Amino acid sequence: YCNGQLPKLQNQVVIEVDDEQKITNMGIDVKTAADVNY
């Protein structure tokens, strides 16, 4: 994954990770202008 502005692509995945880099949550086509892990 990368961190930054969310690309405008269909079914783009946004993730949240814990301290061990395990993915704890995942969103699809999230609407946000903030930097995210995608």
Full PDB file with SEQRES, HELIX, SHEET, SSBOND, CRYST1, ORIGX, SCALE, CONECT and MASTER records, all heavy atoms in Angstrom:
SEQRES   1 A   38  TYR CYS ASN GLY GLN LEU PRO LYS LEU GLN ASN GLN VAL          
SEQRES   2 A   38  VAL ILE GLU VAL ASP ASP GLU GLN LYS ILE THR ASN MET          
SEQRES   3 A   38  GLY ILE ASP VAL LYS THR ALA ALA ASP VAL ASN TYR              
SHEET    1 AA1 2 ASN A   3  GLY A   4  0                                        
SHEET    2 AA1 2 VAL A  36  ASN A  37 -1                                        
SHEET    1 AA2 2 VAL A  13  VAL A  17  0                                        
SHEET    2 AA2 2 ILE A  23  ILE A  28 -1                                        
CRYST1    1.000    1.000    1.000  90.00  90.00  90.00 P 1           1          
ORIGX1      1.000000  0.000000  0.000000        0.00000                         
ORIGX2      0.000000  1.000000  0.000000        0.00000                         
ORIGX3      0.000000  0.000000  1.000000        0.00000                         
SCALE1      1.000000  0.000000  0.000000        0.00000                         
SCALE2      0.000000  1.000000  0.000000        0.00000                         
SCALE3      0.000000  0.000000  1.000000        0.00000                         
ATOM      1  N   TYR A   1       0.826  -1.206   0.000  1.00  0.00           N  
ATOM      2  CA  TYR A   1       0.000   0.000   0.000  1.00  0.00           C  
ATOM      3  C   TYR A   1       0.861   1.258   0.000  1.00  0.00           C  
ATOM      4  O   TYR A   1       2.048   1.239   0.333  1.00  0.00           O  
ATOM      5  CB  TYR A   1      -0.949   0.015   1.202  1.00  0.00           C  
ATOM      6  CG  TYR A   1      -0.282   0.224   2.553  1.00  0.00           C  
ATOM      7  CD1 TYR A   1      -0.107   1.510   3.073  1.00  0.00           C  
ATOM      8  CD2 TYR A   1       0.154  -0.852   3.319  1.00  0.00           C  
ATOM      9  CE1 TYR A   1       0.488   1.710   4.316  1.00  0.00           C  
ATOM     10  CE2 TYR A   1       0.747  -0.658   4.559  1.00  0.00           C  
ATOM     11  CZ  TYR A   1       0.910   0.618   5.055  1.00  0.00           C  
ATOM     12  OH  TYR A   1       1.510   0.822   6.282  1.00  0.00           O  
ATOM     13  N   CYS A   2       0.242   2.354  -0.421  1.00  0.00           N  
ATOM     14  CA  CYS A   2       0.879   3.671  -0.427  1.00  0.00           C  
ATOM     15  C   CYS A   2       0.086   4.585   0.496  1.00  0.00           C  
ATOM     16  O   CYS A   2      -1.068   4.310   0.820  1.00  0.00           O  
ATOM     17  CB  CYS A   2       0.897   4.259  -1.834  1.00  0.00           C  
ATOM     18  SG  CYS A   2       1.612   3.187  -3.103  1.00  0.00           S  
ATOM     19  N   ASN A   3       0.715   5.676   0.893  1.00  0.00           N  
ATOM     20  CA  ASN A   3       0.017   6.675   1.692  1.00  0.00           C  
ATOM     21  C   ASN A   3      -0.033   7.976   0.914  1.00  0.00           C  
ATOM     22  O   ASN A   3       0.986   8.464   0.425  1.00  0.00           O  
ATOM     23  CB  ASN A   3       0.722   6.896   3.036  1.00  0.00           C  
ATOM     24  CG  ASN A   3       0.002   7.917   3.897  1.00  0.00           C  
ATOM     25  OD1 ASN A   3       0.306   9.100   3.859  1.00  0.00           O  
ATOM     26  ND2 ASN A   3      -0.972   7.453   4.667  1.00  0.00           N  
ATOM     27  N   GLY A   4      -1.226   8.529   0.775  1.00  0.00           N  
ATOM     28  CA  GLY A   4      -1.375   9.781   0.043  1.00  0.00           C  
ATOM     29  C   GLY A   4      -2.805  10.000  -0.387  1.00  0.00           C  
ATOM     30  O   GLY A   4      -3.731   9.388   0.156  1.00  0.00           O  
ATOM     31  N   GLN A   5      -2.985  10.880  -1.367  1.00  0.00           N  
ATOM     32  CA  GLN A   5      -4.315  11.160  -1.891  1.00  0.00           C  
ATOM     33  C   GLN A   5      -4.857   9.919  -2.604  1.00  0.00           C  
ATOM     34  O   GLN A   5      -4.158   9.269  -3.368  1.00  0.00           O  
ATOM     35  CB  GLN A   5      -4.261  12.328  -2.868  1.00  0.00           C  
ATOM     36  CG  GLN A   5      -4.028  13.676  -2.203  1.00  0.00           C  
ATOM     37  CD  GLN A   5      -5.234  14.156  -1.415  1.00  0.00           C  
ATOM     38  OE1 GLN A   5      -6.351  14.195  -1.929  1.00  0.00           O  
ATOM     39  NE2 GLN A   5      -5.015  14.518  -0.168  1.00  0.00           N  
ATOM     40  N   LEU A   6      -6.111   9.618  -2.361  1.00  0.00           N  
ATOM     41  CA  LEU A   6      -6.729   8.414  -2.902  1.00  0.00           C  
ATOM     42  C   LEU A   6      -6.906   8.520  -4.420  1.00  0.00           C  
ATOM     43  O   LEU A   6      -7.523   9.461  -4.911  1.00  0.00           O  
ATOM     44  CB  LEU A   6      -8.094   8.202  -2.240  1.00  0.00           C  
ATOM     45  CG  LEU A   6      -8.816   6.883  -2.502  1.00  0.00           C  
ATOM     46  CD1 LEU A   6      -8.020   5.726  -1.939  1.00  0.00           C  
ATOM     47  CD2 LEU A   6     -10.217   6.924  -1.904  1.00  0.00           C  
ATOM     48  N   PRO A   7      -6.351   7.572  -5.180  1.00  0.00           N  
ATOM     49  CA  PRO A   7      -6.567   7.583  -6.632  1.00  0.00           C  
ATOM     50  C   PRO A   7      -8.051   7.431  -6.960  1.00  0.00           C  
ATOM     51  O   PRO A   7      -8.794   6.775  -6.239  1.00  0.00           O  
ATOM     52  CB  PRO A   7      -5.764   6.364  -7.121  1.00  0.00           C  
ATOM     53  CG  PRO A   7      -4.751   6.116  -6.054  1.00  0.00           C  
ATOM     54  CD  PRO A   7      -5.434   6.494  -4.765  1.00  0.00           C  
ATOM     55  N   LYS A   8      -8.448   8.019  -8.070  1.00  0.00           N  
ATOM     56  CA  LYS A   8      -9.848   7.961  -8.482  1.00  0.00           C  
ATOM     57  C   LYS A   8     -10.067   6.759  -9.381  1.00  0.00           C  
ATOM     58  O   LYS A   8     -10.262   6.885 -10.601  1.00  0.00           O  
ATOM     59  CB  LYS A   8     -10.231   9.270  -9.179  1.00  0.00           C  
ATOM     60  CG  LYS A   8     -10.106  10.484  -8.274  1.00  0.00           C  
ATOM     61  CD  LYS A   8     -10.395  11.777  -9.023  1.00  0.00           C  
ATOM     62  CE  LYS A   8     -10.218  12.978  -8.107  1.00  0.00           C  
ATOM     63  NZ  LYS A   8     -10.457  14.269  -8.814  1.00  0.00           N  
ATOM     64  N   LEU A   9     -10.038   5.582  -8.778  1.00  0.00           N  
ATOM     65  CA  LEU A   9     -10.194   4.330  -9.504  1.00  0.00           C  
ATOM     66  C   LEU A   9     -11.354   3.538  -8.937  1.00  0.00           C  
ATOM     67  O   LEU A   9     -11.653   3.618  -7.734  1.00  0.00           O  
ATOM     68  CB  LEU A   9      -8.911   3.496  -9.405  1.00  0.00           C  
ATOM     69  CG  LEU A   9      -7.648   4.093 -10.032  1.00  0.00           C  
ATOM     70  CD1 LEU A   9      -6.431   3.272  -9.660  1.00  0.00           C  
ATOM     71  CD2 LEU A   9      -7.788   4.177 -11.544  1.00  0.00           C  
ATOM     72  N   GLN A  10     -11.982   2.740  -9.781  1.00  0.00           N  
ATOM     73  CA  GLN A  10     -13.103   1.925  -9.342  1.00  0.00           C  
ATOM     74  C   GLN A  10     -12.623   0.840  -8.383  1.00  0.00           C  
ATOM     75  O   GLN A  10     -11.577   0.231  -8.581  1.00  0.00           O  
ATOM     76  CB  GLN A  10     -13.785   1.288 -10.554  1.00  0.00           C  
ATOM     77  CG  GLN A  10     -15.055   0.532 -10.224  1.00  0.00           C  
ATOM     78  CD  GLN A  10     -15.737   0.004 -11.468  1.00  0.00           C  
ATOM     79  OE1 GLN A  10     -15.257   0.184 -12.578  1.00  0.00           O  
ATOM     80  NE2 GLN A  10     -16.884  -0.639 -11.280  1.00  0.00           N  
ATOM     81  N   ASN A  11     -13.380   0.603  -7.324  1.00  0.00           N  
ATOM     82  CA  ASN A  11     -13.067  -0.422  -6.317  1.00  0.00           C  
ATOM     83  C   ASN A  11     -11.722  -0.190  -5.641  1.00  0.00           C  
ATOM     84  O   ASN A  11     -11.027  -1.139  -5.272  1.00  0.00           O  
ATOM     85  CB  ASN A  11     -13.088  -1.824  -6.941  1.00  0.00           C  
ATOM     86  CG  ASN A  11     -14.478  -2.235  -7.393  1.00  0.00           C  
ATOM     87  OD1 ASN A  11     -15.468  -1.906  -6.752  1.00  0.00           O  
ATOM     88  ND2 ASN A  11     -14.552  -2.941  -8.510  1.00  0.00           N  
ATOM     89  N   GLN A  12     -11.347   1.073  -5.461  1.00  0.00           N  
ATOM     90  CA  GLN A  12     -10.089   1.387  -4.794  1.00  0.00           C  
ATOM     91  C   GLN A  12     -10.184   1.037  -3.310  1.00  0.00           C  
ATOM     92  O   GLN A  12     -11.126   1.430  -2.626  1.00  0.00           O  
ATOM     93  CB  GLN A  12      -9.757   2.866  -4.958  1.00  0.00           C  
ATOM     94  CG  GLN A  12      -8.441   3.284  -4.330  1.00  0.00           C  
ATOM     95  CD  GLN A  12      -7.249   2.610  -4.963  1.00  0.00           C  
ATOM     96  OE1 GLN A  12      -6.985   2.772  -6.143  1.00  0.00           O  
ATOM     97  NE2 GLN A  12      -6.518   1.836  -4.176  1.00  0.00           N  
ATOM     98  N   VAL A  13      -9.195   0.296  -2.821  1.00  0.00           N  
ATOM     99  CA  VAL A  13      -9.205  -0.201  -1.445  1.00  0.00           C  
ATOM    100  C   VAL A  13      -8.450   0.748  -0.524  1.00  0.00           C  
ATOM    101  O   VAL A  13      -7.324   1.160  -0.835  1.00  0.00           O  
ATOM    102  CB  VAL A  13      -8.563  -1.607  -1.375  1.00  0.00           C  
ATOM    103  CG1 VAL A  13      -8.436  -2.066   0.067  1.00  0.00           C  
ATOM    104  CG2 VAL A  13      -9.390  -2.598  -2.189  1.00  0.00           C  
ATOM    105  N   VAL A  14      -9.062   1.095   0.599  1.00  0.00           N  
ATOM    106  CA  VAL A  14      -8.425   1.879   1.655  1.00  0.00           C  
ATOM    107  C   VAL A  14      -8.292   0.984   2.877  1.00  0.00           C  
ATOM    108  O   VAL A  14      -9.238   0.267   3.234  1.00  0.00           O  
ATOM    109  CB  VAL A  14      -9.255   3.131   2.013  1.00  0.00           C  
ATOM    110  CG1 VAL A  14      -8.652   3.858   3.206  1.00  0.00           C  
ATOM    111  CG2 VAL A  14      -9.342   4.061   0.808  1.00  0.00           C  
ATOM    112  N   ILE A  15      -7.110   0.994   3.503  1.00  0.00           N  
ATOM    113  CA  ILE A  15      -6.892   0.087   4.622  1.00  0.00           C  
ATOM    114  C   ILE A  15      -6.461   0.825   5.885  1.00  0.00           C  
ATOM    115  O   ILE A  15      -5.938   1.939   5.823  1.00  0.00           O  
ATOM    116  CB  ILE A  15      -5.825  -0.983   4.284  1.00  0.00           C  
ATOM    117  CG1 ILE A  15      -4.458  -0.322   4.058  1.00  0.00           C  
ATOM    118  CG2 ILE A  15      -6.238  -1.785   3.066  1.00  0.00           C  
ATOM    119  CD1 ILE A  15      -3.317  -1.317   3.887  1.00  0.00           C  
ATOM    120  N   GLU A  16      -6.712   0.179   7.016  1.00  0.00           N  
ATOM    121  CA  GLU A  16      -6.182   0.616   8.305  1.00  0.00           C  
ATOM    122  C   GLU A  16      -5.349  -0.527   8.868  1.00  0.00           C  
ATOM    123  O   GLU A  16      -5.758  -1.692   8.785  1.00  0.00           O  
ATOM    124  CB  GLU A  16      -7.314   0.961   9.273  1.00  0.00           C  
ATOM    125  CG  GLU A  16      -8.141   2.166   8.850  1.00  0.00           C  
ATOM    126  CD  GLU A  16      -9.285   2.460   9.816  1.00  0.00           C  
ATOM    127  OE1 GLU A  16      -9.355   1.757  10.869  1.00  0.00           O  
ATOM    128  OE2 GLU A  16     -10.088   3.351   9.519  1.00  0.00           O  
ATOM    129  N   VAL A  17      -4.170  -0.210   9.393  1.00  0.00           N  
ATOM    130  CA  VAL A  17      -3.277  -1.242   9.927  1.00  0.00           C  
ATOM    131  C   VAL A  17      -2.944  -0.943  11.384  1.00  0.00           C  
ATOM    132  O   VAL A  17      -2.973   0.213  11.817  1.00  0.00           O  
ATOM    133  CB  VAL A  17      -1.970  -1.328   9.099  1.00  0.00           C  
ATOM    134  CG1 VAL A  17      -2.262  -1.763   7.669  1.00  0.00           C  
ATOM    135  CG2 VAL A  17      -1.228   0.009   9.098  1.00  0.00           C  
ATOM    136  N   ASP A  18      -2.624  -2.010  12.134  1.00  0.00           N  
ATOM    137  CA  ASP A  18      -2.202  -1.821  13.516  1.00  0.00           C  
ATOM    138  C   ASP A  18      -0.681  -1.676  13.573  1.00  0.00           C  
ATOM    139  O   ASP A  18      -0.010  -1.564  12.545  1.00  0.00           O  
ATOM    140  CB  ASP A  18      -2.703  -2.973  14.399  1.00  0.00           C  
ATOM    141  CG  ASP A  18      -2.160  -4.337  13.967  1.00  0.00           C  
ATOM    142  OD1 ASP A  18      -1.141  -4.374  13.229  1.00  0.00           O  
ATOM    143  OD2 ASP A  18      -2.737  -5.362  14.371  1.00  0.00           O  
ATOM    144  N   ASP A  19      -0.119  -1.716  14.766  1.00  0.00           N  
ATOM    145  CA  ASP A  19       1.320  -1.530  14.943  1.00  0.00           C  
ATOM    146  C   ASP A  19       2.140  -2.636  14.300  1.00  0.00           C  
ATOM    147  O   ASP A  19       3.321  -2.455  13.993  1.00  0.00           O  
ATOM    148  CB  ASP A  19       1.663  -1.439  16.440  1.00  0.00           C  
ATOM    149  CG  ASP A  19       1.076  -0.185  17.082  1.00  0.00           C  
ATOM    150  OD1 ASP A  19       0.789   0.771  16.332  1.00  0.00           O  
ATOM    151  OD2 ASP A  19       0.907  -0.171  18.312  1.00  0.00           O  
ATOM    152  N   GLU A  20       1.512  -3.790  14.088  1.00  0.00           N  
ATOM    153  CA  GLU A  20       2.208  -4.923  13.463  1.00  0.00           C  
ATOM    154  C   GLU A  20       1.964  -4.969  11.956  1.00  0.00           C  
ATOM    155  O   GLU A  20       2.364  -5.927  11.292  1.00  0.00           O  
ATOM    156  CB  GLU A  20       1.736  -6.239  14.110  1.00  0.00           C  
ATOM    157  CG  GLU A  20       2.063  -6.370  15.588  1.00  0.00           C  
ATOM    158  CD  GLU A  20       3.555  -6.356  15.849  1.00  0.00           C  
ATOM    159  OE1 GLU A  20       4.277  -6.982  15.040  1.00  0.00           O  
ATOM    160  OE2 GLU A  20       3.981  -5.730  16.835  1.00  0.00           O  
ATOM    161  N   GLN A  21       1.307  -3.947  11.433  1.00  0.00           N  
ATOM    162  CA  GLN A  21       0.983  -3.842  10.006  1.00  0.00           C  
ATOM    163  C   GLN A  21      -0.103  -4.831   9.562  1.00  0.00           C  
ATOM    164  O   GLN A  21      -0.298  -5.049   8.364  1.00  0.00           O  
ATOM    165  CB  GLN A  21       2.232  -4.023   9.132  1.00  0.00           C  
ATOM    166  CG  GLN A  21       3.238  -2.898   9.263  1.00  0.00           C  
ATOM    167  CD  GLN A  21       2.672  -1.546   8.807  1.00  0.00           C  
ATOM    168  OE1 GLN A  21       2.323  -1.384   7.651  1.00  0.00           O  
ATOM    169  NE2 GLN A  21       2.587  -0.595   9.724  1.00  0.00           N  
ATOM    170  N   LYS A  22      -0.814  -5.421  10.529  1.00  0.00           N  
ATOM    171  CA  LYS A  22      -1.948  -6.257  10.172  1.00  0.00           C  
ATOM    172  C   LYS A  22      -3.128  -5.363   9.823  1.00  0.00           C  
ATOM    173  O   LYS A  22      -3.409  -4.376  10.510  1.00  0.00           O  
ATOM    174  CB  LYS A  22      -2.326  -7.199  11.309  1.00  0.00           C  
ATOM    175  CG  LYS A  22      -3.432  -8.188  10.929  1.00  0.00           C  
ATOM    176  CD  LYS A  22      -3.704  -9.196  12.025  1.00  0.00           C  
ATOM    177  CE  LYS A  22      -4.770 -10.199  11.581  1.00  0.00           C  
ATOM    178  NZ  LYS A  22      -5.067 -11.207  12.632  1.00  0.00           N  
ATOM    179  N   ILE A  23      -3.824  -5.698   8.755  1.00  0.00           N  
ATOM    180  CA  ILE A  23      -4.960  -4.895   8.323  1.00  0.00           C  
ATOM    181  C   ILE A  23      -6.152  -5.174   9.229  1.00  0.00           C  
ATOM    182  O   ILE A  23      -6.600  -6.317   9.359  1.00  0.00           O  
ATOM    183  CB  ILE A  23      -5.308  -5.188   6.852  1.00  0.00           C  
ATOM    184  CG1 ILE A  23      -4.147  -4.770   5.942  1.00  0.00           C  
ATOM    185  CG2 ILE A  23      -6.588  -4.453   6.438  1.00  0.00           C  
ATOM    186  CD1 ILE A  23      -4.351  -5.079   4.477  1.00  0.00           C  
ATOM    187  N   THR A  24      -6.648  -4.120   9.867  1.00  0.00           N  
ATOM    188  CA  THR A  24      -7.752  -4.258  10.810  1.00  0.00           C  
ATOM    189  C   THR A  24      -9.088  -3.809  10.228  1.00  0.00           C  
ATOM    190  O   THR A  24     -10.143  -4.184  10.733  1.00  0.00           O  
ATOM    191  CB  THR A  24      -7.469  -3.441  12.076  1.00  0.00           C  
ATOM    192  OG1 THR A  24      -7.248  -2.061  11.708  1.00  0.00           O  
ATOM    193  CG2 THR A  24      -6.227  -3.972  12.792  1.00  0.00           C  
ATOM    194  N   ASN A  25      -9.012  -2.994   9.201  1.00  0.00           N  
ATOM    195  CA  ASN A  25     -10.245  -2.489   8.594  1.00  0.00           C  
ATOM    196  C   ASN A  25      -9.971  -2.171   7.129  1.00  0.00           C  
ATOM    197  O   ASN A  25      -8.859  -1.793   6.759  1.00  0.00           O  
ATOM    198  CB  ASN A  25     -10.739  -1.243   9.322  1.00  0.00           C  
ATOM    199  CG  ASN A  25     -12.168  -0.884   8.950  1.00  0.00           C  
ATOM    200  OD1 ASN A  25     -12.920  -1.724   8.450  1.00  0.00           O  
ATOM    201  ND2 ASN A  25     -12.552   0.359   9.171  1.00  0.00           N  
ATOM    202  N   MET A  26     -10.986  -2.325   6.321  1.00  0.00           N  
ATOM    203  CA  MET A  26     -10.819  -2.105   4.887  1.00  0.00           C  
ATOM    204  C   MET A  26     -12.077  -1.458   4.326  1.00  0.00           C  
ATOM    205  O   MET A  26     -13.194  -1.911   4.588  1.00  0.00           O  
ATOM    206  CB  MET A  26     -10.553  -3.441   4.181  1.00  0.00           C  
ATOM    207  CG  MET A  26     -10.260  -3.327   2.695  1.00  0.00           C  
ATOM    208  SD  MET A  26      -9.926  -4.957   1.951  1.00  0.00           S  
ATOM    209  CE  MET A  26      -8.415  -5.436   2.786  1.00  0.00           C  
ATOM    210  N   GLY A  27     -11.895  -0.380   3.578  1.00  0.00           N  
ATOM    211  CA  GLY A  27     -13.014   0.298   2.929  1.00  0.00           C  
ATOM    212  C   GLY A  27     -12.845   0.271   1.418  1.00  0.00           C  
ATOM    213  O   GLY A  27     -11.728   0.200   0.910  1.00  0.00           O  
ATOM    214  N   ILE A  28     -13.944   0.330   0.701  1.00  0.00           N  
ATOM    215  CA  ILE A  28     -13.935   0.326  -0.762  1.00  0.00           C  
ATOM    216  C   ILE A  28     -14.590   1.611  -1.265  1.00  0.00           C  
ATOM    217  O   ILE A  28     -15.681   1.967  -0.814  1.00  0.00           O  
ATOM    218  CB  ILE A  28     -14.705  -0.890  -1.335  1.00  0.00           C  
ATOM    219  CG1 ILE A  28     -14.283  -2.193  -0.645  1.00  0.00           C  
ATOM    220  CG2 ILE A  28     -14.509  -0.971  -2.841  1.00  0.00           C  
ATOM    221  CD1 ILE A  28     -12.864  -2.614  -0.905  1.00  0.00           C  
ATOM    222  N   ASP A  29     -13.928   2.286  -2.181  1.00  0.00           N  
ATOM    223  CA  ASP A  29     -14.452   3.529  -2.774  1.00  0.00           C  
ATOM    224  C   ASP A  29     -14.833   4.556  -1.707  1.00  0.00           C  
ATOM    225  O   ASP A  29     -15.922   5.142  -1.714  1.00  0.00           O  
ATOM    226  CB  ASP A  29     -15.666   3.237  -3.671  1.00  0.00           C  
ATOM    227  CG  ASP A  29     -15.285   2.471  -4.926  1.00  0.00           C  
ATOM    228  OD1 ASP A  29     -14.123   2.600  -5.361  1.00  0.00           O  
ATOM    229  OD2 ASP A  29     -16.138   1.733  -5.461  1.00  0.00           O  
ATOM    230  N   VAL A  30     -13.916   4.766  -0.774  1.00  0.00           N  
ATOM    231  CA  VAL A  30     -14.133   5.730   0.306  1.00  0.00           C  
ATOM    232  C   VAL A  30     -14.082   7.154  -0.258  1.00  0.00           C  
ATOM    233  O   VAL A  30     -13.244   7.472  -1.101  1.00  0.00           O  
ATOM    234  CB  VAL A  30     -13.060   5.559   1.398  1.00  0.00           C  
ATOM    235  CG1 VAL A  30     -13.211   6.611   2.481  1.00  0.00           C  
ATOM    236  CG2 VAL A  30     -13.141   4.164   1.996  1.00  0.00           C  
ATOM    237  N   LYS A  31     -14.970   8.000   0.221  1.00  0.00           N  
ATOM    238  CA  LYS A  31     -14.995   9.396  -0.212  1.00  0.00           C  
ATOM    239  C   LYS A  31     -14.256  10.246   0.821  1.00  0.00           C  
ATOM    240  O   LYS A  31     -14.741  10.464   1.928  1.00  0.00           O  
ATOM    241  CB  LYS A  31     -16.436   9.894  -0.363  1.00  0.00           C  
ATOM    242  CG  LYS A  31     -17.307   9.052  -1.282  1.00  0.00           C  
ATOM    243  CD  LYS A  31     -16.783   9.026  -2.705  1.00  0.00           C  
ATOM    244  CE  LYS A  31     -17.694   8.200  -3.612  1.00  0.00           C  
ATOM    245  NZ  LYS A  31     -17.168   8.094  -4.994  1.00  0.00           N  
ATOM    246  N   THR A  32     -13.050  10.705   0.466  1.00  0.00           N  
ATOM    247  CA  THR A  32     -12.264  11.519   1.383  1.00  0.00           C  
ATOM    248  C   THR A  32     -11.225  12.309   0.603  1.00  0.00           C  
ATOM    249  O   THR A  32     -10.747  11.864  -0.444  1.00  0.00           O  
ATOM    250  CB  THR A  32     -11.556  10.650   2.438  1.00  0.00           C  
ATOM    251  OG1 THR A  32     -10.762  11.485   3.293  1.00  0.00           O  
ATOM    252  CG2 THR A  32     -10.659   9.615   1.785  1.00  0.00           C  
ATOM    253  N   ALA A  33     -10.899  13.488   1.140  1.00  0.00           N  
ATOM    254  CA  ALA A  33      -9.852  14.308   0.532  1.00  0.00           C  
ATOM    255  C   ALA A  33      -8.557  14.231   1.336  1.00  0.00           C  
ATOM    256  O   ALA A  33      -7.536  14.792   0.935  1.00  0.00           O  
ATOM    257  CB  ALA A  33     -10.317  15.758   0.437  1.00  0.00           C  
ATOM    258  N   ALA A  34      -8.608  13.526   2.470  1.00  0.00           N  
ATOM    259  CA  ALA A  34      -7.431  13.405   3.332  1.00  0.00           C  
ATOM    260  C   ALA A  34      -6.486  12.319   2.810  1.00  0.00           C  
ATOM    261  O   ALA A  34      -6.874  11.456   2.021  1.00  0.00           O  
ATOM    262  CB  ALA A  34      -7.866  13.075   4.756  1.00  0.00           C  
ATOM    263  N   ASP A  35      -5.234  12.356   3.258  1.00  0.00           N  
ATOM    264  CA  ASP A  35      -4.288  11.300   2.923  1.00  0.00           C  
ATOM    265  C   ASP A  35      -4.697  10.003   3.619  1.00  0.00           C  
ATOM    266  O   ASP A  35      -5.073  10.015   4.800  1.00  0.00           O  
ATOM    267  CB  ASP A  35      -2.870  11.681   3.364  1.00  0.00           C  
ATOM    268  CG  ASP A  35      -2.252  12.745   2.464  1.00  0.00           C  
ATOM    269  OD1 ASP A  35      -2.892  13.117   1.467  1.00  0.00           O  
ATOM    270  OD2 ASP A  35      -1.131  13.198   2.761  1.00  0.00           O  
ATOM    271  N   VAL A  36      -4.638   8.912   2.898  1.00  0.00           N  
ATOM    272  CA  VAL A  36      -5.042   7.604   3.428  1.00  0.00           C  
ATOM    273  C   VAL A  36      -4.045   6.547   2.990  1.00  0.00           C  
ATOM    274  O   VAL A  36      -3.196   6.774   2.125  1.00  0.00           O  
ATOM    275  CB  VAL A  36      -6.459   7.215   2.935  1.00  0.00           C  
ATOM    276  CG1 VAL A  36      -7.515   8.153   3.486  1.00  0.00           C  
ATOM    277  CG2 VAL A  36      -6.503   7.193   1.402  1.00  0.00           C  
ATOM    278  N   ASN A  37      -4.157   5.366   3.600  1.00  0.00           N  
ATOM    279  CA  ASN A  37      -3.406   4.199   3.140  1.00  0.00           C  
ATOM    280  C   ASN A  37      -4.256   3.476   2.099  1.00  0.00           C  
ATOM    281  O   ASN A  37      -5.322   2.954   2.423  1.00  0.00           O  
ATOM    282  CB  ASN A  37      -3.110   3.252   4.299  1.00  0.00           C  
ATOM    283  CG  ASN A  37      -2.204   3.868   5.349  1.00  0.00           C  
ATOM    284  OD1 ASN A  37      -1.341   4.679   5.030  1.00  0.00           O  
ATOM    285  ND2 ASN A  37      -2.400   3.496   6.610  1.00  0.00           N  
ATOM    286  N   TYR A  38      -3.794   3.473   0.858  1.00  0.00           N  
ATOM    287  CA  TYR A  38      -4.577   2.841  -0.200  1.00  0.00           C  
ATOM    288  C   TYR A  38      -3.777   1.731  -0.874  1.00  0.00           C  
ATOM    289  O   TYR A  38      -2.547   1.797  -0.984  1.00  0.00           O  
ATOM    290  CB  TYR A  38      -5.045   3.864  -1.237  1.00  0.00           C  
ATOM    291  CG  TYR A  38      -3.942   4.575  -1.982  1.00  0.00           C  
ATOM    292  CD1 TYR A  38      -3.403   4.042  -3.154  1.00  0.00           C  
ATOM    293  CD2 TYR A  38      -3.438   5.790  -1.520  1.00  0.00           C  
ATOM    294  CE1 TYR A  38      -2.395   4.694  -3.843  1.00  0.00           C  
ATOM    295  CE2 TYR A  38      -2.426   6.447  -2.197  1.00  0.00           C  
ATOM    296  CZ  TYR A  38      -1.916   5.897  -3.359  1.00  0.00           C  
ATOM    297  OH  TYR A  38      -0.908   6.538  -4.039  1.00  0.00           O  
TER     298      TYR A  38                                                      
MASTER        0    0    0    0    4    0    0    6  297    1    0    3          
END                                                                             
